[in-house]
Amino acid sequence: MRCKACDKFLEDFELTRKDRETGVYLDLCNKCFTISEADLLDTDVIYIDDLITTNYTTAYDEEVDF
C-alpha cells in the first residue's frame, strides 16, 4: 500500500497507524504523518459562536461586527 499524500510505499508500522478518535487507518508515511500532526497542533479552533459574538478590528482600526 502507498501513502495517501506522497505515494511512497508504506512500512509495516505505517500500515497499522489509526486515527485516535475514529479508529480509521491513516495510510500516511512517517514523514507525511509528522507534517499533518504538526499542522493540526498549530491550528486554532474557531467556533461559529465566537465569530458571531466577537468584534474584530480591521487593518484600518475600524470595528467590524460579524
PDB file of N, CA and C in Angstrom:
ATOM      1  N   MET A   1       0.851  -1.172   0.000  1.00  0.00           N
ATOM      2  CA  MET A   1       0.000   0.000   0.000  1.00  0.00           C
ATOM      3  C   MET A   1       0.903   1.244   0.000  1.00  0.00           C
ATOM      4  N   ARG A   2       0.360   2.350  -0.488  1.00  0.00           N
ATOM      5  CA  ARG A   2       1.124   3.586  -0.609  1.00  0.00           C
ATOM      6  C   ARG A   2       0.530   4.698   0.256  1.00  0.00           C
ATOM      7  N   CYS A   3       1.374   5.675   0.588  1.00  0.00           N
ATOM      8  CA  CYS A   3       0.961   6.850   1.352  1.00  0.00           C
ATOM      9  C   CYS A   3      -0.056   7.648   0.536  1.00  0.00           C
ATOM     10  N   LYS A   4      -1.125   8.075   1.186  1.00  0.00           N
ATOM     11  CA  LYS A   4      -2.151   8.858   0.506  1.00  0.00           C
ATOM     12  C   LYS A   4      -1.644  10.238   0.091  1.00  0.00           C
ATOM     13  N   ALA A   5      -0.625  10.738   0.762  1.00  0.00           N
ATOM     14  CA  ALA A   5      -0.143  12.088   0.484  1.00  0.00           C
ATOM     15  C   ALA A   5       0.985  12.118  -0.539  1.00  0.00           C
ATOM     16  N   CYS A   6       1.989  11.235  -0.397  1.00  0.00           N
ATOM     17  CA  CYS A   6       3.174  11.328  -1.260  1.00  0.00           C
ATOM     18  C   CYS A   6       3.380  10.109  -2.151  1.00  0.00           C
ATOM     19  N   ASP A   7       2.552   9.094  -2.013  1.00  0.00           N
ATOM     20  CA  ASP A   7       2.587   7.894  -2.842  1.00  0.00           C
ATOM     21  C   ASP A   7       3.794   6.992  -2.582  1.00  0.00           C
ATOM     22  N   LYS A   8       4.476   7.165  -1.446  1.00  0.00           N
ATOM     23  CA  LYS A   8       5.599   6.307  -1.070  1.00  0.00           C
ATOM     24  C   LYS A   8       5.049   4.986  -0.514  1.00  0.00           C
ATOM     25  N   PHE A   9       5.787   3.881  -0.746  1.00  0.00           N
ATOM     26  CA  PHE A   9       5.380   2.605  -0.159  1.00  0.00           C
ATOM     27  C   PHE A   9       5.438   2.703   1.359  1.00  0.00           C
ATOM     28  N   LEU A  10       4.413   2.177   2.043  1.00  0.00           N
ATOM     29  CA  LEU A  10       4.336   2.236   3.491  1.00  0.00           C
ATOM     30  C   LEU A  10       5.060   1.058   4.134  1.00  0.00           C
ATOM     31  N   GLU A  11       5.724   1.328   5.257  1.00  0.00           N
ATOM     32  CA  GLU A  11       6.349   0.290   6.068  1.00  0.00           C
ATOM     33  C   GLU A  11       5.263  -0.397   6.894  1.00  0.00           C
ATOM     34  N   ASP A  12       5.606  -1.518   7.532  1.00  0.00           N
ATOM     35  CA  ASP A  12       4.630  -2.270   8.317  1.00  0.00           C
ATOM     36  C   ASP A  12       3.970  -1.420   9.400  1.00  0.00           C
ATOM     37  N   PHE A  13       4.776  -0.662  10.143  1.00  0.00           N
ATOM     38  CA  PHE A  13       4.207   0.167  11.208  1.00  0.00           C
ATOM     39  C   PHE A  13       3.263   1.221  10.640  1.00  0.00           C
ATOM     40  N   GLU A  14       3.640   1.816   9.535  1.00  0.00           N
ATOM     41  CA  GLU A  14       2.824   2.863   8.925  1.00  0.00           C
ATOM     42  C   GLU A  14       1.472   2.314   8.459  1.00  0.00           C
ATOM     43  N   LEU A  15       1.461   1.054   8.076  1.00  0.00           N
ATOM     44  CA  LEU A  15       0.215   0.414   7.636  1.00  0.00           C
ATOM     45  C   LEU A  15      -0.776   0.206   8.785  1.00  0.00           C
ATOM     46  N   THR A  16      -0.265   0.148  10.022  1.00  0.00           N
ATOM     47  CA  THR A  16      -1.140  -0.136  11.164  1.00  0.00           C
ATOM     48  C   THR A  16      -1.562   1.116  11.924  1.00  0.00           C
ATOM     49  N   ARG A  17      -1.100   2.290  11.512  1.00  0.00           N
ATOM     50  CA  ARG A  17      -1.416   3.537  12.232  1.00  0.00           C
ATOM     51  C   ARG A  17      -2.878   3.924  11.994  1.00  0.00           C
ATOM     52  N   LYS A  18      -3.588   4.177  13.108  1.00  0.00           N
ATOM     53  CA  LYS A  18      -5.000   4.560  13.039  1.00  0.00           C
ATOM     54  C   LYS A  18      -5.211   5.936  13.680  1.00  0.00           C
ATOM     55  N   ASP A  19      -6.267   6.595  13.272  1.00  0.00           N
ATOM     56  CA  ASP A  19      -6.680   7.851  13.892  1.00  0.00           C
ATOM     57  C   ASP A  19      -7.133   7.569  15.313  1.00  0.00           C
ATOM     58  N   ARG A  20      -6.716   8.411  16.252  1.00  0.00           N
ATOM     59  CA  ARG A  20      -7.043   8.192  17.671  1.00  0.00           C
ATOM     60  C   ARG A  20      -8.541   8.256  17.944  1.00  0.00           C
ATOM     61  N   GLU A  21      -9.235   9.160  17.264  1.00  0.00           N
ATOM     62  CA  GLU A  21     -10.650   9.374  17.555  1.00  0.00           C
ATOM     63  C   GLU A  21     -11.573   8.459  16.767  1.00  0.00           C
ATOM     64  N   THR A  22     -11.265   8.243  15.494  1.00  0.00           N
ATOM     65  CA  THR A  22     -12.181   7.483  14.643  1.00  0.00           C
ATOM     66  C   THR A  22     -11.802   6.027  14.474  1.00  0.00           C
ATOM     67  N   GLY A  23     -10.520   5.688  14.705  1.00  0.00           N
ATOM     68  CA  GLY A  23     -10.070   4.321  14.510  1.00  0.00           C
ATOM     69  C   GLY A  23      -9.839   3.956  13.047  1.00  0.00           C
ATOM     70  N   VAL A  24      -9.907   4.936  12.155  1.00  0.00           N
ATOM     71  CA  VAL A  24      -9.705   4.708  10.723  1.00  0.00           C
ATOM     72  C   VAL A  24      -8.208   4.672  10.426  1.00  0.00           C
ATOM     73  N   TYR A  25      -7.796   3.737   9.571  1.00  0.00           N
ATOM     74  CA  TYR A  25      -6.393   3.663   9.166  1.00  0.00           C
ATOM     75  C   TYR A  25      -6.016   4.946   8.418  1.00  0.00           C
ATOM     76  N   LEU A  26      -4.843   5.508   8.752  1.00  0.00           N
ATOM     77  CA  LEU A  26      -4.440   6.783   8.167  1.00  0.00           C
ATOM     78  C   LEU A  26      -3.764   6.637   6.809  1.00  0.00           C
ATOM     79  N   ASP A  27      -3.039   5.552   6.584  1.00  0.00           N
ATOM     80  CA  ASP A  27      -2.334   5.326   5.321  1.00  0.00           C
ATOM     81  C   ASP A  27      -1.422   6.489   4.955  1.00  0.00           C
ATOM     82  N   LEU A  28      -0.635   6.945   5.934  1.00  0.00           N
ATOM     83  CA  LEU A  28       0.353   8.003   5.727  1.00  0.00           C
ATOM     84  C   LEU A  28       1.728   7.498   6.150  1.00  0.00           C
ATOM     85  N   CYS A  29       2.759   7.867   5.390  1.00  0.00           N
ATOM     86  CA  CYS A  29       4.117   7.518   5.803  1.00  0.00           C
ATOM     87  C   CYS A  29       4.495   8.362   7.022  1.00  0.00           C
ATOM     88  N   ASN A  30       5.598   8.026   7.681  1.00  0.00           N
ATOM     89  CA  ASN A  30       6.003   8.755   8.879  1.00  0.00           C
ATOM     90  C   ASN A  30       6.214  10.243   8.613  1.00  0.00           C
ATOM     91  N   LYS A  31       6.828  10.575   7.492  1.00  0.00           N
ATOM     92  CA  LYS A  31       7.086  11.976   7.166  1.00  0.00           C
ATOM     93  C   LYS A  31       5.775  12.750   6.996  1.00  0.00           C
ATOM     94  N   CYS A  32       4.861  12.235   6.215  1.00  0.00           N
ATOM     95  CA  CYS A  32       3.586  12.907   5.980  1.00  0.00           C
ATOM     96  C   CYS A  32       2.740  12.953   7.256  1.00  0.00           C
ATOM     97  N   PHE A  33       2.805  11.890   8.053  1.00  0.00           N
ATOM     98  CA  PHE A  33       2.071  11.878   9.320  1.00  0.00           C
ATOM     99  C   PHE A  33       2.601  12.956  10.254  1.00  0.00           C
ATOM    100  N   THR A  34       3.926  13.091  10.342  1.00  0.00           N
ATOM    101  CA  THR A  34       4.534  14.103  11.208  1.00  0.00           C
ATOM    102  C   THR A  34       4.130  15.505  10.770  1.00  0.00           C
ATOM    103  N   ILE A  35       4.141  15.744   9.485  1.00  0.00           N
ATOM    104  CA  ILE A  35       3.748  17.058   8.968  1.00  0.00           C
ATOM    105  C   ILE A  35       2.278  17.332   9.255  1.00  0.00           C
ATOM    106  N   SER A  36       1.424  16.358   9.067  1.00  0.00           N
ATOM    107  CA  SER A  36      -0.002  16.565   9.300  1.00  0.00           C
ATOM    108  C   SER A  36      -0.296  16.754  10.789  1.00  0.00           C
ATOM    109  N   GLU A  37       0.401  16.020  11.665  1.00  0.00           N
ATOM    110  CA  GLU A  37       0.229  16.203  13.109  1.00  0.00           C
ATOM    111  C   GLU A  37       0.654  17.598  13.533  1.00  0.00           C
ATOM    112  N   ALA A  38       1.774  18.082  13.014  1.00  0.00           N
ATOM    113  CA  ALA A  38       2.252  19.425  13.349  1.00  0.00           C
ATOM    114  C   ALA A  38       1.263  20.470  12.872  1.00  0.00           C
ATOM    115  N   ASP A  39       0.677  20.262  11.713  1.00  0.00           N
ATOM    116  CA  ASP A  39      -0.298  21.199  11.177  1.00  0.00           C
ATOM    117  C   ASP A  39      -1.544  21.241  12.053  1.00  0.00           C
ATOM    118  N   LEU A  40      -1.983  20.095  12.518  1.00  0.00           N
ATOM    119  CA  LEU A  40      -3.153  20.051  13.395  1.00  0.00           C
ATOM    120  C   LEU A  40      -2.898  20.754  14.725  1.00  0.00           C
ATOM    121  N   LEU A  41      -1.712  20.611  15.257  1.00  0.00           N
ATOM    122  CA  LEU A  41      -1.387  21.231  16.539  1.00  0.00           C
ATOM    123  C   LEU A  41      -1.268  22.743  16.428  1.00  0.00           C
ATOM    124  N   ASP A  42      -0.897  23.249  15.248  1.00  0.00           N
ATOM    125  CA  ASP A  42      -0.759  24.692  15.050  1.00  0.00           C
ATOM    126  C   ASP A  42      -2.070  25.375  14.718  1.00  0.00           C
ATOM    127  N   THR A  43      -3.095  24.626  14.427  1.00  0.00           N
ATOM    128  CA  THR A  43      -4.369  25.190  14.004  1.00  0.00           C
ATOM    129  C   THR A  43      -5.194  25.582  15.223  1.00  0.00           C
ATOM    130  N   ASP A  44      -5.655  26.818  15.239  1.00  0.00           N
ATOM    131  CA  ASP A  44      -6.558  27.274  16.289  1.00  0.00           C
ATOM    132  C   ASP A  44      -7.987  26.939  15.885  1.00  0.00           C
ATOM    133  N   VAL A  45      -8.739  26.396  16.801  1.00  0.00           N
ATOM    134  CA  VAL A  45     -10.132  26.082  16.520  1.00  0.00           C
ATOM    135  C   VAL A  45     -10.954  27.327  16.777  1.00  0.00           C
ATOM    136  N   ILE A  46     -11.742  27.700  15.789  1.00  0.00           N
ATOM    137  CA  ILE A  46     -12.621  28.860  15.921  1.00  0.00           C
ATOM    138  C   ILE A  46     -14.051  28.349  15.847  1.00  0.00           C
ATOM    139  N   TYR A  47     -14.818  28.636  16.865  1.00  0.00           N
ATOM    140  CA  TYR A  47     -16.198  28.210  16.902  1.00  0.00           C
ATOM    141  C   TYR A  47     -17.081  29.276  16.291  1.00  0.00           C
ATOM    142  N   ILE A  48     -18.147  28.854  15.628  1.00  0.00           N
ATOM    143  CA  ILE A  48     -19.035  29.782  14.937  1.00  0.00           C
ATOM    144  C   ILE A  48     -19.649  30.779  15.916  1.00  0.00           C
ATOM    145  N   ASP A  49     -19.938  30.367  17.145  1.00  0.00           N
ATOM    146  CA  ASP A  49     -20.495  31.295  18.133  1.00  0.00           C
ATOM    147  C   ASP A  49     -19.519  32.428  18.434  1.00  0.00           C
ATOM    148  N   ASP A  50     -18.219  32.137  18.449  1.00  0.00           N
ATOM    149  CA  ASP A  50     -17.219  33.168  18.677  1.00  0.00           C
ATOM    150  C   ASP A  50     -17.207  34.176  17.532  1.00  0.00           C
ATOM    151  N   LEU A  51     -17.392  33.701  16.325  1.00  0.00           N
ATOM    152  CA  LEU A  51     -17.398  34.596  15.166  1.00  0.00           C
ATOM    153  C   LEU A  51     -18.598  35.520  15.188  1.00  0.00           C
ATOM    154  N   ILE A  52     -19.719  35.025  15.641  1.00  0.00           N
ATOM    155  CA  ILE A  52     -20.944  35.811  15.633  1.00  0.00           C
ATOM    156  C   ILE A  52     -20.931  36.867  16.736  1.00  0.00           C
ATOM    157  N   THR A  53     -20.375  36.553  17.889  1.00  0.00           N
ATOM    158  CA  THR A  53     -20.469  37.464  19.032  1.00  0.00           C
ATOM    159  C   THR A  53     -19.219  38.293  19.279  1.00  0.00           C
ATOM    160  N   THR A  54     -18.193  38.151  18.470  1.00  0.00           N
ATOM    161  CA  THR A  54     -16.932  38.840  18.708  1.00  0.00           C
ATOM    162  C   THR A  54     -16.764  39.993  17.737  1.00  0.00           C
ATOM    163  N   ASN A  55     -16.273  41.107  18.240  1.00  0.00           N
ATOM    164  CA  ASN A  55     -15.948  42.236  17.382  1.00  0.00           C
ATOM    165  C   ASN A  55     -14.497  42.117  16.955  1.00  0.00           C
ATOM    166  N   TYR A  56     -14.240  42.340  15.693  1.00  0.00           N
ATOM    167  CA  TYR A  56     -12.886  42.277  15.166  1.00  0.00           C
ATOM    168  C   TYR A  56     -12.480  43.653  14.657  1.00  0.00           C
ATOM    169  N   THR A  57     -11.199  43.914  14.681  1.00  0.00           N
ATOM    170  CA  THR A  57     -10.680  45.183  14.196  1.00  0.00           C
ATOM    171  C   THR A  57      -9.965  44.932  12.875  1.00  0.00           C
ATOM    172  N   THR A  58     -10.251  45.772  11.891  1.00  0.00           N
ATOM    173  CA  THR A  58      -9.606  45.618  10.592  1.00  0.00           C
ATOM    174  C   THR A  58      -8.236  46.270  10.620  1.00  0.00           C
ATOM    175  N   ALA A  59      -7.526  46.182   9.519  1.00  0.00           N
ATOM    176  CA  ALA A  59      -6.203  46.796   9.410  1.00  0.00           C
ATOM    177  C   ALA A  59      -6.293  48.315   9.523  1.00  0.00           C
ATOM    178  N   TYR A  60      -7.481  48.873   9.312  1.00  0.00           N
ATOM    179  CA  TYR A  60      -7.672  50.324   9.376  1.00  0.00           C
ATOM    180  C   TYR A  60      -8.250  50.759  10.717  1.00  0.00           C
ATOM    181  N   ASP A  61      -8.204  49.842  11.712  1.00  0.00           N
ATOM    182  CA  ASP A  61      -8.711  50.094  13.058  1.00  0.00           C
ATOM    183  C   ASP A  61     -10.195  50.448  13.083  1.00  0.00           C
ATOM    184  N   GLU A  62     -10.933  49.908  12.159  1.00  0.00           N
ATOM    185  CA  GLU A  62     -12.378  50.063  12.178  1.00  0.00           C
ATOM    186  C   GLU A  62     -12.978  48.818  12.814  1.00  0.00           C
ATOM    187  N   GLU A  63     -13.897  48.998  13.728  1.00  0.00           N
ATOM    188  CA  GLU A  63     -14.502  47.850  14.378  1.00  0.00           C
ATOM    189  C   GLU A  63     -15.533  47.237  13.443  1.00  0.00           C
ATOM    190  N   VAL A  64     -15.480  45.934  13.320  1.00  0.00           N
ATOM    191  CA  VAL A  64     -16.398  45.221  12.432  1.00  0.00           C
ATOM    192  C   VAL A  64     -17.126  44.179  13.238  1.00  0.00           C
ATOM    193  N   ASP A  65     -18.451  44.148  13.141  1.00  0.00           N
ATOM    194  CA  ASP A  65     -19.254  43.128  13.800  1.00  0.00           C
ATOM    195  C   ASP A  65     -19.600  42.042  12.790  1.00  0.00           C
ATOM    196  N   PHE A  66     -19.458  40.794  13.210  1.00  0.00           N
ATOM    197  CA  PHE A  66     -19.841  39.673  12.359  1.00  0.00           C
ATOM    198  C   PHE A  66     -21.085  39.037  12.911  1.00  0.00           C
TER     199      PHE A  66
END
